């Protein structure tokens, strides 16, 4: 585990208890947050409009959790670090291409 606290922003299946238990081996503890300037049509992406927002949850995670999340996500999704509405830097999976 790294010494720096890491966060994962989720607005999809990582919010579901069954998915968390399957991917991470436990339920994650999180808090509501949002991505500003993003939309979800049909996947999360920057919109270029500052008033747009995608609501979700931010979870504290370990390096092992991030590796498990990487393995769970489809190959056309990449993890990017984005500042959330609360000011946290959180990893977010964004579709590529």
PDB file of N, CA and C in Angstrom:
ATOM      1  N   UNK A   1       0.853  -1.180   0.000  1.00  0.00           N
ATOM      2  CA  UNK A   1       0.000   0.000   0.000  1.00  0.00           C
ATOM      3  C   UNK A   1       0.893   1.236   0.000  1.00  0.00           C
ATOM      4  N   UNK A   2       0.556   2.213  -0.788  1.00  0.00           N
ATOM      5  CA  UNK A   2       1.371   3.429  -0.837  1.00  0.00           C
ATOM      6  C   UNK A   2       1.104   4.268   0.403  1.00  0.00           C
ATOM      7  N   UNK A   3       2.067   5.155   0.716  1.00  0.00           N
ATOM      8  CA  UNK A   3       1.909   6.000   1.899  1.00  0.00           C
ATOM      9  C   UNK A   3       0.964   7.170   1.630  1.00  0.00           C
ATOM     10  N   UNK A   4       0.698   7.461   0.374  1.00  0.00           N
ATOM     11  CA  UNK A   4      -0.214   8.541   0.013  1.00  0.00           C
ATOM     12  C   UNK A   4      -1.626   7.981  -0.110  1.00  0.00           C
ATOM     13  N   UNK A   5      -2.580   8.643   0.533  1.00  0.00           N
ATOM     14  CA  UNK A   5      -3.980   8.211   0.445  1.00  0.00           C
ATOM     15  C   UNK A   5      -4.449   8.367  -0.994  1.00  0.00           C
ATOM     16  N   UNK A   6      -5.104   7.345  -1.513  1.00  0.00           N
ATOM     17  CA  UNK A   6      -5.628   7.393  -2.869  1.00  0.00           C
ATOM     18  C   UNK A   6      -7.144   7.253  -2.814  1.00  0.00           C
ATOM     19  N   UNK A   7      -7.775   7.818  -3.821  1.00  0.00           N
ATOM     20  CA  UNK A   7      -9.233   7.809  -3.883  1.00  0.00           C
ATOM     21  C   UNK A   7      -9.687   7.333  -5.258  1.00  0.00           C
ATOM     22  N   UNK A   8     -10.835   6.687  -5.276  1.00  0.00           N
ATOM     23  CA  UNK A   8     -11.462   6.227  -6.502  1.00  0.00           C
ATOM     24  C   UNK A   8     -12.850   6.841  -6.568  1.00  0.00           C
ATOM     25  N   UNK A   9     -13.138   7.571  -7.656  1.00  0.00           N
ATOM     26  CA  UNK A   9     -14.473   8.124  -7.884  1.00  0.00           C
ATOM     27  C   UNK A   9     -15.262   7.097  -8.683  1.00  0.00           C
ATOM     28  N   UNK A  10     -16.462   6.796  -8.220  1.00  0.00           N
ATOM     29  CA  UNK A  10     -17.311   5.825  -8.905  1.00  0.00           C
ATOM     30  C   UNK A  10     -18.702   6.401  -9.099  1.00  0.00           C
ATOM     31  N   UNK A  11     -19.236   6.214 -10.302  1.00  0.00           N
ATOM     32  CA  UNK A  11     -20.612   6.635 -10.573  1.00  0.00           C
ATOM     33  C   UNK A  11     -21.384   5.501 -11.233  1.00  0.00           C
ATOM     34  N   UNK A  12     -20.759   4.331 -11.275  1.00  0.00           N
ATOM     35  CA  UNK A  12     -21.393   3.171 -11.894  1.00  0.00           C
ATOM     36  C   UNK A  12     -21.354   1.968 -10.979  1.00  0.00           C
ATOM     37  N   UNK A  13     -20.913   0.837 -11.543  1.00  0.00           N
ATOM     38  CA  UNK A  13     -21.027  -0.421 -10.808  1.00  0.00           C
ATOM     39  C   UNK A  13     -20.148  -0.522  -9.566  1.00  0.00           C
ATOM     40  N   UNK A  14     -19.083   0.262  -9.458  1.00  0.00           N
ATOM     41  CA  UNK A  14     -18.264   0.204  -8.242  1.00  0.00           C
ATOM     42  C   UNK A  14     -19.005   0.745  -7.011  1.00  0.00           C
ATOM     43  N   UNK A  15     -20.165   1.349  -7.203  1.00  0.00           N
ATOM     44  CA  UNK A  15     -20.982   1.789  -6.068  1.00  0.00           C
ATOM     45  C   UNK A  15     -21.798   0.635  -5.485  1.00  0.00           C
ATOM     46  N   UNK A  16     -21.931  -0.452  -6.230  1.00  0.00           N
ATOM     47  CA  UNK A  16     -22.771  -1.576  -5.816  1.00  0.00           C
ATOM     48  C   UNK A  16     -22.004  -2.511  -4.883  1.00  0.00           C
ATOM     49  N   UNK A  17     -22.637  -2.876  -3.763  1.00  0.00           N
ATOM     50  CA  UNK A  17     -21.995  -3.733  -2.758  1.00  0.00           C
ATOM     51  C   UNK A  17     -21.526  -5.059  -3.355  1.00  0.00           C
ATOM     52  N   UNK A  18     -22.343  -5.688  -4.189  1.00  0.00           N
ATOM     53  CA  UNK A  18     -21.975  -6.987  -4.762  1.00  0.00           C
ATOM     54  C   UNK A  18     -20.734  -6.874  -5.642  1.00  0.00           C
ATOM     55  N   UNK A  19     -20.630  -5.797  -6.400  1.00  0.00           N
ATOM     56  CA  UNK A  19     -19.454  -5.581  -7.257  1.00  0.00           C
ATOM     57  C   UNK A  19     -18.228  -5.326  -6.391  1.00  0.00           C
ATOM     58  N   UNK A  20     -18.367  -4.503  -5.365  1.00  0.00           N
ATOM     59  CA  UNK A  20     -17.239  -4.236  -4.465  1.00  0.00           C
ATOM     60  C   UNK A  20     -16.739  -5.528  -3.828  1.00  0.00           C
ATOM     61  N   UNK A  21     -17.647  -6.360  -3.347  1.00  0.00           N
ATOM     62  CA  UNK A  21     -17.245  -7.611  -2.708  1.00  0.00           C
ATOM     63  C   UNK A  21     -16.558  -8.543  -3.691  1.00  0.00           C
ATOM     64  N   UNK A  22     -17.036  -8.583  -4.934  1.00  0.00           N
ATOM     65  CA  UNK A  22     -16.429  -9.446  -5.949  1.00  0.00           C
ATOM     66  C   UNK A  22     -15.057  -8.926  -6.377  1.00  0.00           C
ATOM     67  N   UNK A  23     -14.925  -7.619  -6.604  1.00  0.00           N
ATOM     68  CA  UNK A  23     -13.680  -7.044  -7.128  1.00  0.00           C
ATOM     69  C   UNK A  23     -12.645  -6.809  -6.030  1.00  0.00           C
ATOM     70  N   UNK A  24     -13.076  -6.258  -4.896  1.00  0.00           N
ATOM     71  CA  UNK A  24     -12.140  -5.848  -3.837  1.00  0.00           C
ATOM     72  C   UNK A  24     -12.110  -6.801  -2.644  1.00  0.00           C
ATOM     73  N   UNK A  25     -13.064  -7.727  -2.581  1.00  0.00           N
ATOM     74  CA  UNK A  25     -13.120  -8.665  -1.471  1.00  0.00           C
ATOM     75  C   UNK A  25     -13.735  -8.082  -0.210  1.00  0.00           C
ATOM     76  N   UNK A  26     -14.322  -6.914  -0.318  1.00  0.00           N
ATOM     77  CA  UNK A  26     -14.957  -6.256   0.826  1.00  0.00           C
ATOM     78  C   UNK A  26     -15.809  -5.092   0.316  1.00  0.00           C
ATOM     79  N   UNK A  27     -16.627  -4.546   1.208  1.00  0.00           N
ATOM     80  CA  UNK A  27     -17.381  -3.338   0.875  1.00  0.00           C
ATOM     81  C   UNK A  27     -16.509  -2.134   1.178  1.00  0.00           C
ATOM     82  N   UNK A  28     -16.508  -1.174   0.280  1.00  0.00           N
ATOM     83  CA  UNK A  28     -15.731   0.049   0.452  1.00  0.00           C
ATOM     84  C   UNK A  28     -16.545   1.089   1.214  1.00  0.00           C
ATOM     85  N   UNK A  29     -15.850   1.937   1.937  1.00  0.00           N
ATOM     86  CA  UNK A  29     -16.487   3.047   2.646  1.00  0.00           C
ATOM     87  C   UNK A  29     -16.254   4.305   1.818  1.00  0.00           C
ATOM     88  N   UNK A  30     -17.329   5.009   1.501  1.00  0.00           N
ATOM     89  CA  UNK A  30     -17.189   6.190   0.654  1.00  0.00           C
ATOM     90  C   UNK A  30     -18.069   7.329   1.104  1.00  0.00           C
ATOM     91  N   UNK A  31     -17.966   8.411   0.339  1.00  0.00           N
ATOM     92  CA  UNK A  31     -18.811   9.579   0.606  1.00  0.00           C
ATOM     93  C   UNK A  31     -19.227  10.185  -0.732  1.00  0.00           C
ATOM     94  N   UNK A  32     -20.396  10.828  -0.775  1.00  0.00           N
ATOM     95  CA  UNK A  32     -20.862  11.442  -2.017  1.00  0.00           C
ATOM     96  C   UNK A  32     -19.902  12.536  -2.487  1.00  0.00           C
ATOM     97  N   UNK A  33     -19.728  12.607  -3.793  1.00  0.00           N
ATOM     98  CA  UNK A  33     -18.901  13.642  -4.413  1.00  0.00           C
ATOM     99  C   UNK A  33     -19.370  13.771  -5.851  1.00  0.00           C
ATOM    100  N   UNK A  34     -18.702  14.586  -6.628  1.00  0.00           N
ATOM    101  CA  UNK A  34     -19.101  14.800  -8.022  1.00  0.00           C
ATOM    102  C   UNK A  34     -17.899  15.227  -8.845  1.00  0.00           C
ATOM    103  N   UNK A  35     -18.027  15.038 -10.152  1.00  0.00           N
ATOM    104  CA  UNK A  35     -17.067  15.576 -11.114  1.00  0.00           C
ATOM    105  C   UNK A  35     -17.726  16.767 -11.780  1.00  0.00           C
ATOM    106  N   UNK A  36     -17.085  17.913 -11.718  1.00  0.00           N
ATOM    107  CA  UNK A  36     -17.618  19.122 -12.352  1.00  0.00           C
ATOM    108  C   UNK A  36     -17.028  19.265 -13.745  1.00  0.00           C
ATOM    109  N   UNK A  37     -17.863  19.733 -14.683  1.00  0.00           N
ATOM    110  CA  UNK A  37     -17.412  19.870 -16.062  1.00  0.00           C
ATOM    111  C   UNK A  37     -17.395  18.549 -16.807  1.00  0.00           C
ATOM    112  N   UNK A  38     -18.129  17.566 -16.285  1.00  0.00           N
ATOM    113  CA  UNK A  38     -18.245  16.251 -16.918  1.00  0.00           C
ATOM    114  C   UNK A  38     -19.712  15.944 -17.145  1.00  0.00           C
ATOM    115  N   UNK A  39     -19.988  15.064 -18.114  1.00  0.00           N
ATOM    116  CA  UNK A  39     -21.342  14.589 -18.352  1.00  0.00           C
ATOM    117  C   UNK A  39     -21.283  13.073 -18.506  1.00  0.00           C
ATOM    118  N   UNK A  40     -22.456  12.477 -18.571  1.00  0.00           N
ATOM    119  CA  UNK A  40     -22.541  11.017 -18.687  1.00  0.00           C
ATOM    120  C   UNK A  40     -23.500  10.698 -19.818  1.00  0.00           C
ATOM    121  N   UNK A  41     -22.975  10.715 -21.051  1.00  0.00           N
ATOM    122  CA  UNK A  41     -23.819  10.515 -22.228  1.00  0.00           C
ATOM    123  C   UNK A  41     -23.097   9.721 -23.294  1.00  0.00           C
ATOM    124  N   UNK A  42     -23.100   8.444 -23.364  1.00  0.00           N
ATOM    125  CA  UNK A  42     -23.617   7.489 -22.380  1.00  0.00           C
ATOM    126  C   UNK A  42     -22.570   7.102 -21.334  1.00  0.00           C
ATOM    127  N   UNK A  43     -21.347   7.571 -21.490  1.00  0.00           N
ATOM    128  CA  UNK A  43     -20.280   7.274 -20.531  1.00  0.00           C
ATOM    129  C   UNK A  43     -19.709   8.585 -20.006  1.00  0.00           C
ATOM    130  N   UNK A  44     -19.005   8.540 -18.888  1.00  0.00           N
ATOM    131  CA  UNK A  44     -18.447   9.750 -18.278  1.00  0.00           C
ATOM    132  C   UNK A  44     -17.377  10.332 -19.194  1.00  0.00           C
ATOM    133  N   UNK A  45     -17.517  11.634 -19.459  1.00  0.00           N
ATOM    134  CA  UNK A  45     -16.527  12.316 -20.299  1.00  0.00           C
ATOM    135  C   UNK A  45     -16.550  13.804 -19.972  1.00  0.00           C
ATOM    136  N   UNK A  46     -15.426  14.491 -20.226  1.00  0.00           N
ATOM    137  CA  UNK A  46     -15.432  15.949 -20.046  1.00  0.00           C
ATOM    138  C   UNK A  46     -16.435  16.573 -21.005  1.00  0.00           C
ATOM    139  N   UNK A  47     -17.189  17.550 -20.524  1.00  0.00           N
ATOM    140  CA  UNK A  47     -18.199  18.190 -21.370  1.00  0.00           C
ATOM    141  C   UNK A  47     -17.758  19.557 -21.872  1.00  0.00           C
ATOM    142  N   UNK A  48     -16.809  20.179 -21.163  1.00  0.00           N
ATOM    143  CA  UNK A  48     -16.420  21.536 -21.508  1.00  0.00           C
ATOM    144  C   UNK A  48     -17.384  22.583 -20.973  1.00  0.00           C
ATOM    145  N   UNK A  49     -18.383  22.153 -20.211  1.00  0.00           N
ATOM    146  CA  UNK A  49     -19.373  23.065 -19.631  1.00  0.00           C
ATOM    147  C   UNK A  49     -19.230  22.997 -18.115  1.00  0.00           C
ATOM    148  N   UNK A  50     -18.819  24.095 -17.504  1.00  0.00           N
ATOM    149  CA  UNK A  50     -18.492  24.079 -16.073  1.00  0.00           C
ATOM    150  C   UNK A  50     -19.681  23.733 -15.182  1.00  0.00           C
ATOM    151  N   UNK A  51     -20.907  24.005 -15.627  1.00  0.00           N
ATOM    152  CA  UNK A  51     -22.086  23.699 -14.811  1.00  0.00           C
ATOM    153  C   UNK A  51     -22.487  22.226 -14.853  1.00  0.00           C
ATOM    154  N   UNK A  52     -21.937  21.464 -15.796  1.00  0.00           N
ATOM    155  CA  UNK A  52     -22.255  20.033 -15.862  1.00  0.00           C
ATOM    156  C   UNK A  52     -21.615  19.319 -14.687  1.00  0.00           C
ATOM    157  N   UNK A  53     -22.266  18.250 -14.237  1.00  0.00           N
ATOM    158  CA  UNK A  53     -21.698  17.466 -13.136  1.00  0.00           C
ATOM    159  C   UNK A  53     -22.162  16.020 -13.231  1.00  0.00           C
ATOM    160  N   UNK A  54     -21.309  15.150 -12.771  1.00  0.00           N
ATOM    161  CA  UNK A  54     -21.632  13.734 -12.639  1.00  0.00           C
ATOM    162  C   UNK A  54     -21.521  13.404 -11.158  1.00  0.00           C
ATOM    163  N   UNK A  55     -22.627  12.996 -10.556  1.00  0.00           N
ATOM    164  CA  UNK A  55     -22.634  12.634  -9.142  1.00  0.00           C
ATOM    165  C   UNK A  55     -22.202  11.187  -8.971  1.00  0.00           C
ATOM    166  N   UNK A  56     -21.537  10.932  -7.855  1.00  0.00           N
ATOM    167  CA  UNK A  56     -21.090   9.582  -7.552  1.00  0.00           C
ATOM    168  C   UNK A  56     -20.576   9.505  -6.133  1.00  0.00           C
ATOM    169  N   UNK A  57     -19.665   8.574  -5.913  1.00  0.00           N
ATOM    170  CA  UNK A  57     -19.071   8.349  -4.595  1.00  0.00           C
ATOM    171  C   UNK A  57     -17.556   8.324  -4.732  1.00  0.00           C
ATOM    172  N   UNK A  58     -16.876   8.782  -3.676  1.00  0.00           N
ATOM    173  CA  UNK A  58     -15.418   8.684  -3.602  1.00  0.00           C
ATOM    174  C   UNK A  58     -15.086   7.697  -2.489  1.00  0.00           C
ATOM    175  N   UNK A  59     -14.212   6.741  -2.823  1.00  0.00           N
ATOM    176  CA  UNK A  59     -13.802   5.704  -1.882  1.00  0.00           C
ATOM    177  C   UNK A  59     -12.303   5.792  -1.646  1.00  0.00           C
ATOM    178  N   UNK A  60     -11.868   5.644  -0.402  1.00  0.00           N
ATOM    179  CA  UNK A  60     -10.454   5.501  -0.109  1.00  0.00           C
ATOM    180  C   UNK A  60     -10.020   4.107  -0.530  1.00  0.00           C
ATOM    181  N   UNK A  61      -8.919   4.008  -1.279  1.00  0.00           N
ATOM    182  CA  UNK A  61      -8.483   2.717  -1.821  1.00  0.00           C
ATOM    183  C   UNK A  61      -6.979   2.523  -1.643  1.00  0.00           C
ATOM    184  N   UNK A  62      -6.560   1.275  -1.791  1.00  0.00           N
ATOM    185  CA  UNK A  62      -5.152   0.895  -1.740  1.00  0.00           C
ATOM    186  C   UNK A  62      -4.636   0.669  -3.157  1.00  0.00           C
ATOM    187  N   UNK A  63      -3.330   0.503  -3.282  1.00  0.00           N
ATOM    188  CA  UNK A  63      -2.750   0.152  -4.581  1.00  0.00           C
ATOM    189  C   UNK A  63      -3.330  -1.170  -5.085  1.00  0.00           C
ATOM    190  N   UNK A  64      -3.508  -2.131  -4.172  1.00  0.00           N
ATOM    191  CA  UNK A  64      -4.084  -3.423  -4.561  1.00  0.00           C
ATOM    192  C   UNK A  64      -5.519  -3.249  -5.060  1.00  0.00           C
ATOM    193  N   UNK A  65      -6.282  -2.368  -4.428  1.00  0.00           N
ATOM    194  CA  UNK A  65      -7.646  -2.085  -4.892  1.00  0.00           C
ATOM    195  C   UNK A  65      -7.630  -1.516  -6.307  1.00  0.00           C
ATOM    196  N   UNK A  66      -6.706  -0.594  -6.555  1.00  0.00           N
ATOM    197  CA  UNK A  66      -6.624   0.007  -7.894  1.00  0.00           C
ATOM    198  C   UNK A  66      -6.237  -1.036  -8.935  1.00  0.00           C
ATOM    199  N   UNK A  67      -5.336  -1.938  -8.588  1.00  0.00           N
ATOM    200  CA  UNK A  67      -4.963  -3.009  -9.519  1.00  0.00           C
ATOM    201  C   UNK A  67      -6.169  -3.902  -9.805  1.00  0.00           C
ATOM    202  N   UNK A  68      -6.958  -4.209  -8.782  1.00  0.00           N
ATOM    203  CA  UNK A  68      -8.163  -5.018  -8.975  1.00  0.00           C
ATOM    204  C   UNK A  68      -9.178  -4.276  -9.840  1.00  0.00           C
ATOM    205  N   UNK A  69      -9.320  -2.972  -9.623  1.00  0.00           N
ATOM    206  CA  UNK A  69     -10.242  -2.164 -10.431  1.00  0.00           C
ATOM    207  C   UNK A  69      -9.775  -2.112 -11.882  1.00  0.00           C
ATOM    208  N   UNK A  70      -8.462  -1.970 -12.086  1.00  0.00           N
ATOM    209  CA  UNK A  70      -7.913  -1.965 -13.450  1.00  0.00           C
ATOM    210  C   UNK A  70      -8.270  -3.260 -14.176  1.00  0.00           C
ATOM    211  N   UNK A  71      -8.144  -4.389 -13.474  1.00  0.00           N
ATOM    212  CA  UNK A  71      -8.442  -5.688 -14.083  1.00  0.00           C
ATOM    213  C   UNK A  71      -9.934  -5.840 -14.377  1.00  0.00           C
ATOM    214  N   UNK A  72     -10.781  -5.182 -13.603  1.00  0.00           N
ATOM    215  CA  UNK A  72     -12.234  -5.271 -13.772  1.00  0.00           C
ATOM    216  C   UNK A  72     -12.739  -4.428 -14.947  1.00  0.00           C
ATOM    217  N   UNK A  73     -12.122  -3.288 -15.174  1.00  0.00           N
ATOM    218  CA  UNK A  73     -12.599  -2.366 -16.217  1.00  0.00           C
ATOM    219  C   UNK A  73     -12.278  -2.900 -17.614  1.00  0.00           C
ATOM    220  N   UNK A  74     -13.113  -2.584 -18.606  1.00  0.00           N
ATOM    221  CA  UNK A  74     -12.832  -2.998 -19.983  1.00  0.00           C
ATOM    222  C   UNK A  74     -11.528  -2.374 -20.483  1.00  0.00           C
ATOM    223  N   UNK A  75     -10.891  -2.996 -21.491  1.00  0.00           N
ATOM    224  CA  UNK A  75      -9.596  -2.499 -21.970  1.00  0.00           C
ATOM    225  C   UNK A  75      -9.638  -1.097 -22.578  1.00  0.00           C
ATOM    226  N   UNK A  76     -10.810  -0.623 -22.991  1.00  0.00           N
ATOM    227  CA  UNK A  76     -10.889   0.718 -23.587  1.00  0.00           C
ATOM    228  C   UNK A  76     -11.159   1.810 -22.546  1.00  0.00           C
ATOM    229  N   UNK A  77     -11.031   1.482 -21.267  1.00  0.00           N
ATOM    230  CA  UNK A  77     -11.144   2.468 -20.188  1.00  0.00           C
ATOM    231  C   UNK A  77      -9.786   2.630 -19.529  1.00  0.00           C
ATOM    232  N   UNK A  78      -9.406   3.876 -19.278  1.00  0.00           N
ATOM    233  CA  UNK A  78      -8.129   4.184 -18.624  1.00  0.00           C
ATOM    234  C   UNK A  78      -8.392   5.000 -17.376  1.00  0.00           C
ATOM    235  N   UNK A  79      -7.553   4.762 -16.396  1.00  0.00           N
ATOM    236  CA  UNK A  79      -7.652   5.485 -15.127  1.00  0.00           C
ATOM    237  C   UNK A  79      -6.954   6.828 -15.263  1.00  0.00           C
ATOM    238  N   UNK A  80      -7.666   7.915 -14.899  1.00  0.00           N
ATOM    239  CA  UNK A  80      -7.129   9.279 -14.925  1.00  0.00           C
ATOM    240  C   UNK A  80      -7.389   9.917 -13.571  1.00  0.00           C
ATOM    241  N   UNK A  81      -6.462  10.760 -13.119  1.00  0.00           N
ATOM    242  CA  UNK A  81      -6.641  11.442 -11.844  1.00  0.00           C
ATOM    243  C   UNK A  81      -7.300  12.792 -12.087  1.00  0.00           C
ATOM    244  N   UNK A  82      -8.443  13.028 -11.432  1.00  0.00           N
ATOM    245  CA  UNK A  82      -9.260  14.218 -11.645  1.00  0.00           C
ATOM    246  C   UNK A  82      -9.619  14.813 -10.290  1.00  0.00           C
ATOM    247  N   UNK A  83      -9.674  16.132 -10.209  1.00  0.00           N
ATOM    248  CA  UNK A  83     -10.101  16.801  -8.971  1.00  0.00           C
ATOM    249  C   UNK A  83     -11.621  16.764  -8.893  1.00  0.00           C
ATOM    250  N   UNK A  84     -12.133  16.293  -7.763  1.00  0.00           N
ATOM    251  CA  UNK A  84     -13.579  16.209  -7.559  1.00  0.00           C
ATOM    252  C   UNK A  84     -14.123  17.541  -7.034  1.00  0.00           C
ATOM    253  N   UNK A  85     -15.434  17.634  -6.952  1.00  0.00           N
ATOM    254  CA  UNK A  85     -16.084  18.852  -6.453  1.00  0.00           C
ATOM    255  C   UNK A  85     -15.638  19.187  -5.032  1.00  0.00           C
ATOM    256  N   UNK A  86     -15.310  18.164  -4.235  1.00  0.00           N
ATOM    257  CA  UNK A  86     -14.881  18.400  -2.849  1.00  0.00           C
ATOM    258  C   UNK A  86     -13.407  18.790  -2.757  1.00  0.00           C
ATOM    259  N   UNK A  87     -12.699  18.734  -3.894  1.00  0.00           N
ATOM    260  CA  UNK A  87     -11.290  19.107  -3.912  1.00  0.00           C
ATOM    261  C   UNK A  87     -10.323  17.947  -3.822  1.00  0.00           C
ATOM    262  N   UNK A  88     -10.832  16.715  -3.703  1.00  0.00           N
ATOM    263  CA  UNK A  88      -9.955  15.545  -3.663  1.00  0.00           C
ATOM    264  C   UNK A  88      -9.459  15.209  -5.058  1.00  0.00           C
ATOM    265  N   UNK A  89      -8.239  14.706  -5.152  1.00  0.00           N
ATOM    266  CA  UNK A  89      -7.760  14.107  -6.390  1.00  0.00           C
ATOM    267  C   UNK A  89      -8.153  12.642  -6.349  1.00  0.00           C
ATOM    268  N   UNK A  90      -8.953  12.224  -7.298  1.00  0.00           N
ATOM    269  CA  UNK A  90      -9.455  10.851  -7.308  1.00  0.00           C
ATOM    270  C   UNK A  90      -9.221  10.221  -8.671  1.00  0.00           C
ATOM    271  N   UNK A  91      -8.981   8.918  -8.662  1.00  0.00           N
ATOM    272  CA  UNK A  91      -8.885   8.172  -9.909  1.00  0.00           C
ATOM    273  C   UNK A  91     -10.285   7.975 -10.464  1.00  0.00           C
ATOM    274  N   UNK A  92     -10.411   8.154 -11.774  1.00  0.00           N
ATOM    275  CA  UNK A  92     -11.680   8.002 -12.483  1.00  0.00           C
ATOM    276  C   UNK A  92     -11.391   7.200 -13.739  1.00  0.00           C
ATOM    277  N   UNK A  93     -12.245   6.253 -14.058  1.00  0.00           N
ATOM    278  CA  UNK A  93     -12.087   5.493 -15.301  1.00  0.00           C
ATOM    279  C   UNK A  93     -12.828   6.219 -16.419  1.00  0.00           C
ATOM    280  N   UNK A  94     -12.077   6.573 -17.458  1.00  0.00           N
ATOM    281  CA  UNK A  94     -12.640   7.279 -18.608  1.00  0.00           C
ATOM    282  C   UNK A  94     -12.460   6.432 -19.856  1.00  0.00           C
ATOM    283  N   UNK A  95     -13.487   6.396 -20.666  1.00  0.00           N
ATOM    284  CA  UNK A  95     -13.433   5.643 -21.916  1.00  0.00           C
ATOM    285  C   UNK A  95     -12.485   6.334 -22.882  1.00  0.00           C
ATOM    286  N   UNK A  96     -11.689   5.538 -23.569  1.00  0.00           N
ATOM    287  CA  UNK A  96     -10.742   6.049 -24.562  1.00  0.00           C
ATOM    288  C   UNK A  96     -11.290   5.785 -25.960  1.00  0.00           C
ATOM    289  N   UNK A  97     -11.141   6.755 -26.827  1.00  0.00           N
ATOM    290  CA  UNK A  97     -11.535   6.587 -28.217  1.00  0.00           C
ATOM    291  C   UNK A  97     -12.983   6.630 -28.510  1.00  0.00           C
TER     292      UNK A  97
END
